[in-house]
Amino acid sequence: MKRKTIFAILPVLILAVLITNAYSSSKAIKQRMIERLPVIKSLKDKGIVGENNKGYLEFVGQKKEAADVIKAENKDRKLVYGAIAKQQGTTVEVVGQHRAIQLANRAQPGEWLQDANGKWYQK
């Protein structure tokens, strides 16, 4: 009898662990992204990085300041886009393209953006 009960409860426990891990992971990603915001804003203000048409940060000139921050941000964005894509039954690429449009709409004057054809421009 105990064995049957354990096997009945086991899937519920596994699901609870997975949900908890996913929640903890998403909280960690959000926190890392928040912590990087001041550096990213500074790089955008200096015209060093811009938002590309795929929803990621990209260097717009020869200067590659804080490349590790940009790489980490893009990695976390890809994780977030992947979670959204899975939830919506689409692809990471589609989610990124939609996010690029949102980011372009919210960009501040002077920030670099990439249009759908790949051409960089300042808002």
PDB file of N, CA and C in Angstrom:
ATOM      1  N   MET A   1       0.819  -1.192   0.000  1.00  0.00           N
ATOM      2  CA  MET A   1       0.000   0.000   0.000  1.00  0.00           C
ATOM      3  C   MET A   1       0.863   1.257   0.000  1.00  0.00           C
ATOM      4  N   LYS A   2       1.910   1.295   0.824  1.00  0.00           N
ATOM      5  CA  LYS A   2       2.778   2.458   0.900  1.00  0.00           C
ATOM      6  C   LYS A   2       3.459   2.721  -0.438  1.00  0.00           C
ATOM      7  N   ARG A   3       3.850   1.658  -1.118  1.00  0.00           N
ATOM      8  CA  ARG A   3       4.541   1.793  -2.392  1.00  0.00           C
ATOM      9  C   ARG A   3       3.635   2.479  -3.425  1.00  0.00           C
ATOM     10  N   LYS A   4       2.349   2.104  -3.455  1.00  0.00           N
ATOM     11  CA  LYS A   4       1.400   2.713  -4.382  1.00  0.00           C
ATOM     12  C   LYS A   4       1.221   4.188  -4.072  1.00  0.00           C
ATOM     13  N   THR A   5       1.165   4.529  -2.813  1.00  0.00           N
ATOM     14  CA  THR A   5       1.010   5.917  -2.403  1.00  0.00           C
ATOM     15  C   THR A   5       2.209   6.744  -2.830  1.00  0.00           C
ATOM     16  N   ILE A   6       3.397   6.204  -2.658  1.00  0.00           N
ATOM     17  CA  ILE A   6       4.619   6.909  -3.053  1.00  0.00           C
ATOM     18  C   ILE A   6       4.623   7.155  -4.556  1.00  0.00           C
ATOM     19  N   PHE A   7       4.253   6.137  -5.337  1.00  0.00           N
ATOM     20  CA  PHE A   7       4.235   6.293  -6.787  1.00  0.00           C
ATOM     21  C   PHE A   7       3.140   7.263  -7.234  1.00  0.00           C
ATOM     22  N   ALA A   8       2.080   7.373  -6.486  1.00  0.00           N
ATOM     23  CA  ALA A   8       1.013   8.320  -6.816  1.00  0.00           C
ATOM     24  C   ALA A   8       1.435   9.745  -6.493  1.00  0.00           C
ATOM     25  N   ILE A   9       2.188   9.918  -5.425  1.00  0.00           N
ATOM     26  CA  ILE A   9       2.621  11.245  -4.991  1.00  0.00           C
ATOM     27  C   ILE A   9       3.867  11.712  -5.741  1.00  0.00           C
ATOM     28  N   LEU A  10       4.696  10.806  -6.181  1.00  0.00           N
ATOM     29  CA  LEU A  10       5.965  11.142  -6.822  1.00  0.00           C
ATOM     30  C   LEU A  10       5.822  12.118  -7.992  1.00  0.00           C
ATOM     31  N   PRO A  11       4.904  11.907  -8.934  1.00  0.00           N
ATOM     32  CA  PRO A  11       4.781  12.873 -10.030  1.00  0.00           C
ATOM     33  C   PRO A  11       4.436  14.282  -9.548  1.00  0.00           C
ATOM     34  N   VAL A  12       3.608  14.367  -8.524  1.00  0.00           N
ATOM     35  CA  VAL A  12       3.233  15.667  -7.966  1.00  0.00           C
ATOM     36  C   VAL A  12       4.451  16.346  -7.340  1.00  0.00           C
ATOM     37  N   LEU A  13       5.249  15.577  -6.627  1.00  0.00           N
ATOM     38  CA  LEU A  13       6.461  16.131  -6.016  1.00  0.00           C
ATOM     39  C   LEU A  13       7.460  16.585  -7.080  1.00  0.00           C
ATOM     40  N   ILE A  14       7.633  15.794  -8.125  1.00  0.00           N
ATOM     41  CA  ILE A  14       8.554  16.160  -9.201  1.00  0.00           C
ATOM     42  C   ILE A  14       8.086  17.451  -9.863  1.00  0.00           C
ATOM     43  N   LEU A  15       6.798  17.559 -10.135  1.00  0.00           N
ATOM     44  CA  LEU A  15       6.247  18.768 -10.737  1.00  0.00           C
ATOM     45  C   LEU A  15       6.472  19.974  -9.829  1.00  0.00           C
ATOM     46  N   ALA A  16       6.260  19.805  -8.538  1.00  0.00           N
ATOM     47  CA  ALA A  16       6.472  20.897  -7.584  1.00  0.00           C
ATOM     48  C   ALA A  16       7.921  21.352  -7.586  1.00  0.00           C
ATOM     49  N   VAL A  17       8.847  20.404  -7.635  1.00  0.00           N
ATOM     50  CA  VAL A  17      10.277  20.748  -7.685  1.00  0.00           C
ATOM     51  C   VAL A  17      10.599  21.493  -8.970  1.00  0.00           C
ATOM     52  N   LEU A  18      10.079  21.009 -10.090  1.00  0.00           N
ATOM     53  CA  LEU A  18      10.344  21.667 -11.376  1.00  0.00           C
ATOM     54  C   LEU A  18       9.795  23.085 -11.402  1.00  0.00           C
ATOM     55  N   ILE A  19       8.591  23.274 -10.901  1.00  0.00           N
ATOM     56  CA  ILE A  19       7.993  24.612 -10.850  1.00  0.00           C
ATOM     57  C   ILE A  19       8.806  25.526  -9.950  1.00  0.00           C
ATOM     58  N   THR A  20       9.207  25.020  -8.800  1.00  0.00           N
ATOM     59  CA  THR A  20      10.022  25.810  -7.872  1.00  0.00           C
ATOM     60  C   THR A  20      11.342  26.189  -8.507  1.00  0.00           C
ATOM     61  N   ASN A  21      11.995  25.246  -9.177  1.00  0.00           N
ATOM     62  CA  ASN A  21      13.266  25.545  -9.842  1.00  0.00           C
ATOM     63  C   ASN A  21      13.084  26.565 -10.954  1.00  0.00           C
ATOM     64  N   ALA A  22      12.019  26.441 -11.737  1.00  0.00           N
ATOM     65  CA  ALA A  22      11.757  27.388 -12.821  1.00  0.00           C
ATOM     66  C   ALA A  22      11.510  28.777 -12.252  1.00  0.00           C
ATOM     67  N   TYR A  23      10.745  28.856 -11.159  1.00  0.00           N
ATOM     68  CA  TYR A  23      10.463  30.141 -10.533  1.00  0.00           C
ATOM     69  C   TYR A  23      11.739  30.769  -9.986  1.00  0.00           C
ATOM     70  N   SER A  24      12.549  29.971  -9.310  1.00  0.00           N
ATOM     71  CA  SER A  24      13.816  30.467  -8.764  1.00  0.00           C
ATOM     72  C   SER A  24      14.733  30.927  -9.876  1.00  0.00           C
ATOM     73  N   SER A  25      14.765  30.168 -10.958  1.00  0.00           N
ATOM     74  CA  SER A  25      15.603  30.514 -12.097  1.00  0.00           C
ATOM     75  C   SER A  25      15.144  31.825 -12.729  1.00  0.00           C
ATOM     76  N   SER A  26      13.828  31.996 -12.903  1.00  0.00           N
ATOM     77  CA  SER A  26      13.330  33.221 -13.519  1.00  0.00           C
ATOM     78  C   SER A  26      13.577  34.430 -12.619  1.00  0.00           C
ATOM     79  N   LYS A  27      13.476  34.224 -11.312  1.00  0.00           N
ATOM     80  CA  LYS A  27      13.789  35.315 -10.376  1.00  0.00           C
ATOM     81  C   LYS A  27      15.256  35.702 -10.472  1.00  0.00           C
ATOM     82  N   ALA A  28      16.126  34.708 -10.598  1.00  0.00           N
ATOM     83  CA  ALA A  28      17.565  34.973 -10.701  1.00  0.00           C
ATOM     84  C   ALA A  28      17.889  35.720 -11.990  1.00  0.00           C
ATOM     85  N   ILE A  29      17.262  35.305 -13.084  1.00  0.00           N
ATOM     86  CA  ILE A  29      17.483  35.982 -14.368  1.00  0.00           C
ATOM     87  C   ILE A  29      17.020  37.429 -14.269  1.00  0.00           C
ATOM     88  N   LYS A  30      15.838  37.629 -13.736  1.00  0.00           N
ATOM     89  CA  LYS A  30      15.304  38.988 -13.594  1.00  0.00           C
ATOM     90  C   LYS A  30      16.241  39.851 -12.751  1.00  0.00           C
ATOM     91  N   GLN A  31      16.745  39.307 -11.661  1.00  0.00           N
ATOM     92  CA  GLN A  31      17.645  40.062 -10.785  1.00  0.00           C
ATOM     93  C   GLN A  31      18.936  40.424 -11.514  1.00  0.00           C
ATOM     94  N   ARG A  32      19.497  39.474 -12.256  1.00  0.00           N
ATOM     95  CA  ARG A  32      20.736  39.766 -13.010  1.00  0.00           C
ATOM     96  C   ARG A  32      20.492  40.861 -14.040  1.00  0.00           C
ATOM     97  N   MET A  33      19.356  40.797 -14.697  1.00  0.00           N
ATOM     98  CA  MET A  33      19.050  41.798 -15.716  1.00  0.00           C
ATOM     99  C   MET A  33      18.874  43.181 -15.085  1.00  0.00           C
ATOM    100  N   ILE A  34      18.232  43.235 -13.954  1.00  0.00           N
ATOM    101  CA  ILE A  34      18.053  44.511 -13.239  1.00  0.00           C
ATOM    102  C   ILE A  34      19.406  45.075 -12.839  1.00  0.00           C
ATOM    103  N   GLU A  35      20.295  44.227 -12.352  1.00  0.00           N
ATOM    104  CA  GLU A  35      21.621  44.676 -11.916  1.00  0.00           C
ATOM    105  C   GLU A  35      22.463  45.203 -13.084  1.00  0.00           C
ATOM    106  N   ARG A  36      22.233  44.679 -14.276  1.00  0.00           N
ATOM    107  CA  ARG A  36      23.006  45.129 -15.449  1.00  0.00           C
ATOM    108  C   ARG A  36      22.467  46.417 -16.064  1.00  0.00           C
ATOM    109  N   LEU A  37      21.246  46.796 -15.746  1.00  0.00           N
ATOM    110  CA  LEU A  37      20.611  47.947 -16.386  1.00  0.00           C
ATOM    111  C   LEU A  37      21.435  49.233 -16.370  1.00  0.00           C
ATOM    112  N   PRO A  38      22.036  49.618 -15.254  1.00  0.00           N
ATOM    113  CA  PRO A  38      22.810  50.868 -15.269  1.00  0.00           C
ATOM    114  C   PRO A  38      23.974  50.842 -16.273  1.00  0.00           C
ATOM    115  N   VAL A  39      24.648  49.720 -16.373  1.00  0.00           N
ATOM    116  CA  VAL A  39      25.765  49.600 -17.320  1.00  0.00           C
ATOM    117  C   VAL A  39      25.241  49.671 -18.749  1.00  0.00           C
ATOM    118  N   ILE A  40      24.160  48.957 -19.013  1.00  0.00           N
ATOM    119  CA  ILE A  40      23.581  48.949 -20.363  1.00  0.00           C
ATOM    120  C   ILE A  40      23.097  50.347 -20.742  1.00  0.00           C
ATOM    121  N   LYS A  41      22.431  51.021 -19.815  1.00  0.00           N
ATOM    122  CA  LYS A  41      21.958  52.384 -20.093  1.00  0.00           C
ATOM    123  C   LYS A  41      23.131  53.298 -20.413  1.00  0.00           C
ATOM    124  N   SER A  42      24.196  53.173 -19.652  1.00  0.00           N
ATOM    125  CA  SER A  42      25.388  53.983 -19.897  1.00  0.00           C
ATOM    126  C   SER A  42      25.971  53.712 -21.284  1.00  0.00           C
ATOM    127  N   LEU A  43      26.042  52.446 -21.654  1.00  0.00           N
ATOM    128  CA  LEU A  43      26.571  52.080 -22.973  1.00  0.00           C
ATOM    129  C   LEU A  43      25.674  52.599 -24.092  1.00  0.00           C
ATOM    130  N   LYS A  44      24.371  52.565 -23.878  1.00  0.00           N
ATOM    131  CA  LYS A  44      23.443  53.120 -24.873  1.00  0.00           C
ATOM    132  C   LYS A  44      23.611  54.635 -24.963  1.00  0.00           C
ATOM    133  N   ASP A  45      23.727  55.294 -23.811  1.00  0.00           N
ATOM    134  CA  ASP A  45      23.895  56.751 -23.793  1.00  0.00           C
ATOM    135  C   ASP A  45      25.166  57.184 -24.510  1.00  0.00           C
ATOM    136  N   LYS A  46      26.208  56.368 -24.419  1.00  0.00           N
ATOM    137  CA  LYS A  46      27.487  56.667 -25.091  1.00  0.00           C
ATOM    138  C   LYS A  46      27.462  56.277 -26.567  1.00  0.00           C
ATOM    139  N   GLY A  47      26.403  55.599 -27.003  1.00  0.00           N
ATOM    140  CA  GLY A  47      26.306  55.172 -28.391  1.00  0.00           C
ATOM    141  C   GLY A  47      27.162  53.961 -28.719  1.00  0.00           C
ATOM    142  N   ILE A  48      27.510  53.193 -27.703  1.00  0.00           N
ATOM    143  CA  ILE A  48      28.376  52.027 -27.897  1.00  0.00           C
ATOM    144  C   ILE A  48      27.554  50.803 -28.302  1.00  0.00           C
ATOM    145  N   VAL A  49      26.373  50.667 -27.725  1.00  0.00           N
ATOM    146  CA  VAL A  49      25.501  49.541 -28.063  1.00  0.00           C
ATOM    147  C   VAL A  49      24.131  50.041 -28.474  1.00  0.00           C
ATOM    148  N   GLY A  50      23.446  49.182 -29.210  1.00  0.00           N
ATOM    149  CA  GLY A  50      22.075  49.461 -29.606  1.00  0.00           C
ATOM    150  C   GLY A  50      21.284  48.173 -29.575  1.00  0.00           C
ATOM    151  N   GLU A  51      20.008  48.309 -29.831  1.00  0.00           N
ATOM    152  CA  GLU A  51      19.105  47.161 -29.873  1.00  0.00           C
ATOM    153  C   GLU A  51      18.982  46.702 -31.323  1.00  0.00           C
ATOM    154  N   ASN A  52      19.358  45.446 -31.584  1.00  0.00           N
ATOM    155  CA  ASN A  52      19.242  44.960 -32.957  1.00  0.00           C
ATOM    156  C   ASN A  52      17.807  44.511 -33.258  1.00  0.00           C
ATOM    157  N   ASN A  53      17.571  44.090 -34.481  1.00  0.00           N
ATOM    158  CA  ASN A  53      16.216  43.725 -34.901  1.00  0.00           C
ATOM    159  C   ASN A  53      15.812  42.310 -34.476  1.00  0.00           C
ATOM    160  N   LYS A  54      16.650  41.679 -33.670  1.00  0.00           N
ATOM    161  CA  LYS A  54      16.354  40.332 -33.164  1.00  0.00           C
ATOM    162  C   LYS A  54      16.082  40.335 -31.662  1.00  0.00           C
ATOM    163  N   GLY A  55      16.105  41.537 -31.060  1.00  0.00           N
ATOM    164  CA  GLY A  55      15.813  41.645 -29.634  1.00  0.00           C
ATOM    165  C   GLY A  55      17.020  41.510 -28.724  1.00  0.00           C
ATOM    166  N   TYR A  56      18.209  41.706 -29.290  1.00  0.00           N
ATOM    167  CA  TYR A  56      19.439  41.584 -28.513  1.00  0.00           C
ATOM    168  C   TYR A  56      20.264  42.860 -28.616  1.00  0.00           C
ATOM    169  N   LEU A  57      21.148  43.034 -27.653  1.00  0.00           N
ATOM    170  CA  LEU A  57      22.090  44.152 -27.693  1.00  0.00           C
ATOM    171  C   LEU A  57      23.214  43.816 -28.657  1.00  0.00           C
ATOM    172  N   GLU A  58      23.710  44.862 -29.301  1.00  0.00           N
ATOM    173  CA  GLU A  58      24.801  44.666 -30.247  1.00  0.00           C
ATOM    174  C   GLU A  58      25.663  45.920 -30.265  1.00  0.00           C
ATOM    175  N   PHE A  59      26.950  45.750 -30.432  1.00  0.00           N
ATOM    176  CA  PHE A  59      27.847  46.887 -30.562  1.00  0.00           C
ATOM    177  C   PHE A  59      27.609  47.550 -31.913  1.00  0.00           C
ATOM    178  N   VAL A  60      27.580  48.880 -31.912  1.00  0.00           N
ATOM    179  CA  VAL A  60      27.316  49.600 -33.161  1.00  0.00           C
ATOM    180  C   VAL A  60      28.570  50.233 -33.748  1.00  0.00           C
ATOM    181  N   GLY A  61      29.647  50.217 -33.025  1.00  0.00           N
ATOM    182  CA  GLY A  61      30.895  50.784 -33.522  1.00  0.00           C
ATOM    183  C   GLY A  61      32.059  49.880 -33.191  1.00  0.00           C
ATOM    184  N   GLN A  62      33.240  50.446 -33.258  1.00  0.00           N
ATOM    185  CA  GLN A  62      34.459  49.685 -32.999  1.00  0.00           C
ATOM    186  C   GLN A  62      34.702  49.466 -31.507  1.00  0.00           C
ATOM    187  N   LYS A  63      34.177  50.345 -30.671  1.00  0.00           N
ATOM    188  CA  LYS A  63      34.398  50.257 -29.230  1.00  0.00           C
ATOM    189  C   LYS A  63      33.591  49.090 -28.654  1.00  0.00           C
ATOM    190  N   LYS A  64      34.255  48.231 -27.891  1.00  0.00           N
ATOM    191  CA  LYS A  64      33.612  47.040 -27.326  1.00  0.00           C
ATOM    192  C   LYS A  64      33.661  47.053 -25.797  1.00  0.00           C
ATOM    193  N   GLU A  65      33.277  48.152 -25.224  1.00  0.00           N
ATOM    194  CA  GLU A  65      33.303  48.326 -23.771  1.00  0.00           C
ATOM    195  C   GLU A  65      32.285  47.400 -23.094  1.00  0.00           C
ATOM    196  N   ALA A  66      32.678  46.787 -21.985  1.00  0.00           N
ATOM    197  CA  ALA A  66      31.818  45.917 -21.170  1.00  0.00           C
ATOM    198  C   ALA A  66      31.204  44.776 -21.988  1.00  0.00           C
ATOM    199  N   ALA A  67      32.003  44.155 -22.821  1.00  0.00           N
ATOM    200  CA  ALA A  67      31.525  43.061 -23.672  1.00  0.00           C
ATOM    201  C   ALA A  67      30.957  41.907 -22.852  1.00  0.00           C
ATOM    202  N   ASP A  68      31.515  41.681 -21.672  1.00  0.00           N
ATOM    203  CA  ASP A  68      31.013  40.599 -20.822  1.00  0.00           C
ATOM    204  C   ASP A  68      29.580  40.870 -20.359  1.00  0.00           C
ATOM    205  N   VAL A  69      29.264  42.130 -20.110  1.00  0.00           N
ATOM    206  CA  VAL A  69      27.913  42.506 -19.684  1.00  0.00           C
ATOM    207  C   VAL A  69      26.925  42.283 -20.830  1.00  0.00           C
ATOM    208  N   ILE A  70      27.324  42.679 -22.026  1.00  0.00           N
ATOM    209  CA  ILE A  70      26.461  42.514 -23.197  1.00  0.00           C
ATOM    210  C   ILE A  70      26.224  41.030 -23.472  1.00  0.00           C
ATOM    211  N   LYS A  71      27.271  40.239 -23.388  1.00  0.00           N
ATOM    212  CA  LYS A  71      27.156  38.797 -23.621  1.00  0.00           C
ATOM    213  C   LYS A  71      26.210  38.160 -22.594  1.00  0.00           C
ATOM    214  N   ALA A  72      26.359  38.531 -21.324  1.00  0.00           N
ATOM    215  CA  ALA A  72      25.509  37.982 -20.266  1.00  0.00           C
ATOM    216  C   ALA A  72      24.054  38.413 -20.448  1.00  0.00           C
ATOM    217  N   GLU A  73      23.847  39.665 -20.815  1.00  0.00           N
ATOM    218  CA  GLU A  73      22.484  40.162 -21.035  1.00  0.00           C
ATOM    219  C   GLU A  73      21.813  39.413 -22.179  1.00  0.00           C
ATOM    220  N   ASN A  74      22.531  39.253 -23.275  1.00  0.00           N
ATOM    221  CA  ASN A  74      21.964  38.550 -24.430  1.00  0.00           C
ATOM    222  C   ASN A  74      21.675  37.083 -24.110  1.00  0.00           C
ATOM    223  N   LYS A  75      22.515  36.481 -23.294  1.00  0.00           N
ATOM    224  CA  LYS A  75      22.287  35.094 -22.885  1.00  0.00           C
ATOM    225  C   LYS A  75      21.000  34.989 -22.072  1.00  0.00           C
ATOM    226  N   ASP A  76      20.812  35.911 -21.131  1.00  0.00           N
ATOM    227  CA  ASP A  76      19.596  35.889 -20.320  1.00  0.00           C
ATOM    228  C   ASP A  76      18.366  36.230 -21.152  1.00  0.00           C
ATOM    229  N   ARG A  77      18.505  37.158 -22.078  1.00  0.00           N
ATOM    230  CA  ARG A  77      17.370  37.473 -22.953  1.00  0.00           C
ATOM    231  C   ARG A  77      16.950  36.233 -23.736  1.00  0.00           C
ATOM    232  N   LYS A  78      17.927  35.487 -24.224  1.00  0.00           N
ATOM    233  CA  LYS A  78      17.610  34.277 -24.987  1.00  0.00           C
ATOM    234  C   LYS A  78      16.855  33.273 -24.114  1.00  0.00           C
ATOM    235  N   LEU A  79      17.246  33.146 -22.849  1.00  0.00           N
ATOM    236  CA  LEU A  79      16.532  32.254 -21.931  1.00  0.00           C
ATOM    237  C   LEU A  79      15.089  32.711 -21.726  1.00  0.00           C
ATOM    238  N   VAL A  80      14.915  34.005 -21.541  1.00  0.00           N
ATOM    239  CA  VAL A  80      13.571  34.562 -21.353  1.00  0.00           C
ATOM    240  C   VAL A  80      12.740  34.356 -22.621  1.00  0.00           C
ATOM    241  N   TYR A  81      13.323  34.663 -23.767  1.00  0.00           N
ATOM    242  CA  TYR A  81      12.596  34.485 -25.032  1.00  0.00           C
ATOM    243  C   TYR A  81      12.223  33.018 -25.232  1.00  0.00           C
ATOM    244  N   GLY A  82      13.102  32.124 -24.831  1.00  0.00           N
ATOM    245  CA  GLY A  82      12.825  30.697 -24.948  1.00  0.00           C
ATOM    246  C   GLY A  82      11.643  30.280 -24.096  1.00  0.00           C
ATOM    247  N   ALA A  83      11.577  30.794 -22.874  1.00  0.00           N
ATOM    248  CA  ALA A  83      10.457  30.471 -21.983  1.00  0.00           C
ATOM    249  C   ALA A  83       9.149  31.010 -22.546  1.00  0.00           C
ATOM    250  N   ILE A  84       9.198  32.222 -23.077  1.00  0.00           N
ATOM    251  CA  ILE A  84       7.994  32.816 -23.672  1.00  0.00           C
ATOM    252  C   ILE A  84       7.581  32.027 -24.915  1.00  0.00           C
ATOM    253  N   ALA A  85       8.554  31.678 -25.735  1.00  0.00           N
ATOM    254  CA  ALA A  85       8.266  30.916 -26.964  1.00  0.00           C
ATOM    255  C   ALA A  85       7.608  29.583 -26.635  1.00  0.00           C
ATOM    256  N   LYS A  86       8.118  28.912 -25.625  1.00  0.00           N
ATOM    257  CA  LYS A  86       7.551  27.621 -25.222  1.00  0.00           C
ATOM    258  C   LYS A  86       6.113  27.798 -24.753  1.00  0.00           C
ATOM    259  N   GLN A  87       5.893  28.837 -23.970  1.00  0.00           N
ATOM    260  CA  GLN A  87       4.564  29.119 -23.436  1.00  0.00           C
ATOM    261  C   GLN A  87       3.577  29.462 -24.554  1.00  0.00           C
ATOM    262  N   GLN A  88       4.051  30.171 -25.588  1.00  0.00           N
ATOM    263  CA  GLN A  88       3.168  30.632 -26.653  1.00  0.00           C
ATOM    264  C   GLN A  88       3.163  29.724 -27.879  1.00  0.00           C
ATOM    265  N   GLY A  89       3.974  28.677 -27.851  1.00  0.00           N
ATOM    266  CA  GLY A  89       4.015  27.752 -28.970  1.00  0.00           C
ATOM    267  C   GLY A  89       4.618  28.352 -30.227  1.00  0.00           C
ATOM    268  N   THR A  90       5.664  29.143 -30.054  1.00  0.00           N
ATOM    269  CA  THR A  90       6.336  29.771 -31.184  1.00  0.00           C
ATOM    270  C   THR A  90       7.838  29.568 -31.047  1.00  0.00           C
ATOM    271  N   THR A  91       8.626  30.358 -31.746  1.00  0.00           N
ATOM    272  CA  THR A  91      10.078  30.207 -31.702  1.00  0.00           C
ATOM    273  C   THR A  91      10.734  31.353 -30.950  1.00  0.00           C
ATOM    274  N   VAL A  92      11.956  31.112 -30.523  1.00  0.00           N
ATOM    275  CA  VAL A  92      12.758  32.143 -29.858  1.00  0.00           C
ATOM    276  C   VAL A  92      12.944  33.334 -30.795  1.00  0.00           C
ATOM    277  N   GLU A  93      13.142  33.042 -32.072  1.00  0.00           N
ATOM    278  CA  GLU A  93      13.380  34.102 -33.055  1.00  0.00           C
ATOM    279  C   GLU A  93      12.169  35.031 -33.188  1.00  0.00           C
ATOM    280  N   VAL A  94      10.983  34.449 -33.222  1.00  0.00           N
ATOM    281  CA  VAL A  94       9.770  35.260 -33.334  1.00  0.00           C
ATOM    282  C   VAL A  94       9.583  36.131 -32.103  1.00  0.00           C
ATOM    283  N   VAL A  95       9.799  35.551 -30.934  1.00  0.00           N
ATOM    284  CA  VAL A  95       9.676  36.315 -29.686  1.00  0.00           C
ATOM    285  C   VAL A  95      10.694  37.459 -29.690  1.00  0.00           C
ATOM    286  N   GLY A  96      11.926  37.177 -30.097  1.00  0.00           N
ATOM    287  CA  GLY A  96      12.964  38.207 -30.141  1.00  0.00           C
ATOM    288  C   GLY A  96      12.609  39.336 -31.098  1.00  0.00           C
ATOM    289  N   GLN A  97      12.062  39.007 -32.246  1.00  0.00           N
ATOM    290  CA  GLN A  97      11.667  40.036 -33.216  1.00  0.00           C
ATOM    291  C   GLN A  97      10.556  40.919 -32.660  1.00  0.00           C
ATOM    292  N   HIS A  98       9.592  40.305 -31.971  1.00  0.00           N
ATOM    293  CA  HIS A  98       8.522  41.091 -31.347  1.00  0.00           C
ATOM    294  C   HIS A  98       9.077  41.981 -30.240  1.00  0.00           C
ATOM    295  N   ARG A  99      10.016  41.432 -29.483  1.00  0.00           N
ATOM    296  CA  ARG A  99      10.628  42.222 -28.412  1.00  0.00           C
ATOM    297  C   ARG A  99      11.436  43.380 -28.991  1.00  0.00           C
ATOM    298  N   ALA A 100      12.082  43.163 -30.124  1.00  0.00           N
ATOM    299  CA  ALA A 100      12.852  44.233 -30.777  1.00  0.00           C
ATOM    300  C   ALA A 100      11.943  45.410 -31.121  1.00  0.00           C
ATOM    301  N   ILE A 101      10.744  45.121 -31.585  1.00  0.00           N
ATOM    302  CA  ILE A 101       9.784  46.178 -31.910  1.00  0.00           C
ATOM    303  C   ILE A 101       9.401  46.950 -30.648  1.00  0.00           C
ATOM    304  N   GLN A 102       9.145  46.210 -29.562  1.00  0.00           N
ATOM    305  CA  GLN A 102       8.808  46.867 -28.294  1.00  0.00           C
ATOM    306  C   GLN A 102       9.951  47.745 -27.808  1.00  0.00           C
ATOM    307  N   LEU A 103      11.164  47.213 -27.887  1.00  0.00           N
ATOM    308  CA  LEU A 103      12.336  47.973 -27.433  1.00  0.00           C
ATOM    309  C   LEU A 103      12.535  49.227 -28.278  1.00  0.00           C
ATOM    310  N   ALA A 104      12.303  49.124 -29.570  1.00  0.00           N
ATOM    311  CA  ALA A 104      12.439  50.284 -30.457  1.00  0.00           C
ATOM    312  C   ALA A 104      11.410  51.350 -30.098  1.00  0.00           C
ATOM    313  N   ASN A 105      10.197  50.931 -29.798  1.00  0.00           N
ATOM    314  CA  ASN A 105       9.155  51.886 -29.428  1.00  0.00           C
ATOM    315  C   ASN A 105       9.461  52.601 -28.114  1.00  0.00           C
ATOM    316  N   ARG A 106      10.153  51.907 -27.221  1.00  0.00           N
ATOM    317  CA  ARG A 106      10.475  52.479 -25.903  1.00  0.00           C
ATOM    318  C   ARG A 106      11.839  53.170 -25.855  1.00  0.00           C
ATOM    319  N   ALA A 107      12.594  53.084 -26.931  1.00  0.00           N
ATOM    320  CA  ALA A 107      13.949  53.653 -26.947  1.00  0.00           C
ATOM    321  C   ALA A 107      13.908  55.164 -26.748  1.00  0.00           C
ATOM    322  N   GLN A 108      14.952  55.661 -26.142  1.00  0.00           N
ATOM    323  CA  GLN A 108      15.092  57.089 -25.905  1.00  0.00           C
ATOM    324  C   GLN A 108      15.710  57.761 -27.138  1.00  0.00           C
ATOM    325  N   PRO A 109      15.442  59.046 -27.322  1.00  0.00           N
ATOM    326  CA  PRO A 109      16.065  59.752 -28.450  1.00  0.00           C
ATOM    327  C   PRO A 109      17.590  59.615 -28.383  1.00  0.00           C
ATOM    328  N   GLY A 110      18.193  59.345 -29.531  1.00  0.00           N
ATOM    329  CA  GLY A 110      19.639  59.191 -29.611  1.00  0.00           C
ATOM    330  C   GLY A 110      20.121  57.755 -29.508  1.00  0.00           C
ATOM    331  N   GLU A 111      19.266  56.845 -29.050  1.00  0.00           N
ATOM    332  CA  GLU A 111      19.672  55.444 -28.937  1.00  0.00           C
ATOM    333  C   GLU A 111      19.718  54.803 -30.323  1.00  0.00           C
ATOM    334  N   TRP A 112      20.655  53.854 -30.455  1.00  0.00           N
ATOM    335  CA  TRP A 112      20.819  53.141 -31.712  1.00  0.00           C
ATOM    336  C   TRP A 112      19.877  51.960 -31.791  1.00  0.00           C
ATOM    337  N   LEU A 113      19.252  51.828 -32.969  1.00  0.00           N
ATOM    338  CA  LEU A 113      18.328  50.733 -33.246  1.00  0.00           C
ATOM    339  C   LEU A 113      18.642  50.178 -34.623  1.00  0.00           C
ATOM    340  N   GLN A 114      18.240  48.952 -34.847  1.00  0.00           N
ATOM    341  CA  GLN A 114      18.443  48.324 -36.149  1.00  0.00           C
ATOM    342  C   GLN A 114      17.069  48.068 -36.764  1.00  0.00           C
ATOM    343  N   ASP A 115      16.887  48.524 -37.996  1.00  0.00           N
ATOM    344  CA  ASP A 115      15.599  48.301 -38.639  1.00  0.00           C
ATOM    345  C   ASP A 115      15.491  46.866 -39.156  1.00  0.00           C
ATOM    346  N   ALA A 116      14.334  46.529 -39.720  1.00  0.00           N
ATOM    347  CA  ALA A 116      14.077  45.156 -40.179  1.00  0.00           C
ATOM    348  C   ALA A 116      15.055  44.693 -41.246  1.00  0.00           C
ATOM    349  N   ASN A 117      15.641  45.655 -41.983  1.00  0.00           N
ATOM    350  CA  ASN A 117      16.601  45.318 -43.045  1.00  0.00           C
ATOM    351  C   ASN A 117      18.048  45.246 -42.546  1.00  0.00           C
ATOM    352  N   GLY A 118      18.244  45.506 -41.251  1.00  0.00           N
ATOM    353  CA  GLY A 118      19.578  45.433 -40.681  1.00  0.00           C
ATOM    354  C   GLY A 118      20.348  46.743 -40.665  1.00  0.00           C
ATOM    355  N   LYS A 119      19.709  47.824 -41.063  1.00  0.00           N
ATOM    356  CA  LYS A 119      20.365  49.138 -41.090  1.00  0.00           C
ATOM    357  C   LYS A 119      20.228  49.808 -39.720  1.00  0.00           C
ATOM    358  N   TRP A 120      21.362  50.320 -39.214  1.00  0.00           N
ATOM    359  CA  TRP A 120      21.374  50.996 -37.921  1.00  0.00           C
ATOM    360  C   TRP A 120      20.961  52.452 -38.102  1.00  0.00           C
ATOM    361  N   TYR A 121      20.212  52.963 -37.126  1.00  0.00           N
ATOM    362  CA  TYR A 121      19.802  54.368 -37.122  1.00  0.00           C
ATOM    363  C   TYR A 121      19.639  54.822 -35.681  1.00  0.00           C
ATOM    364  N   GLN A 122      19.687  56.141 -35.488  1.00  0.00           N
ATOM    365  CA  GLN A 122      19.471  56.686 -34.161  1.00  0.00           C
ATOM    366  C   GLN A 122      18.039  57.207 -34.084  1.00  0.00           C
ATOM    367  N   LYS A 123      17.407  56.901 -32.973  1.00  0.00           N
ATOM    368  CA  LYS A 123      16.030  57.349 -32.784  1.00  0.00           C
ATOM    369  C   LYS A 123      16.022  58.844 -32.523  1.00  0.00           C
TER     370      LYS A 123
END
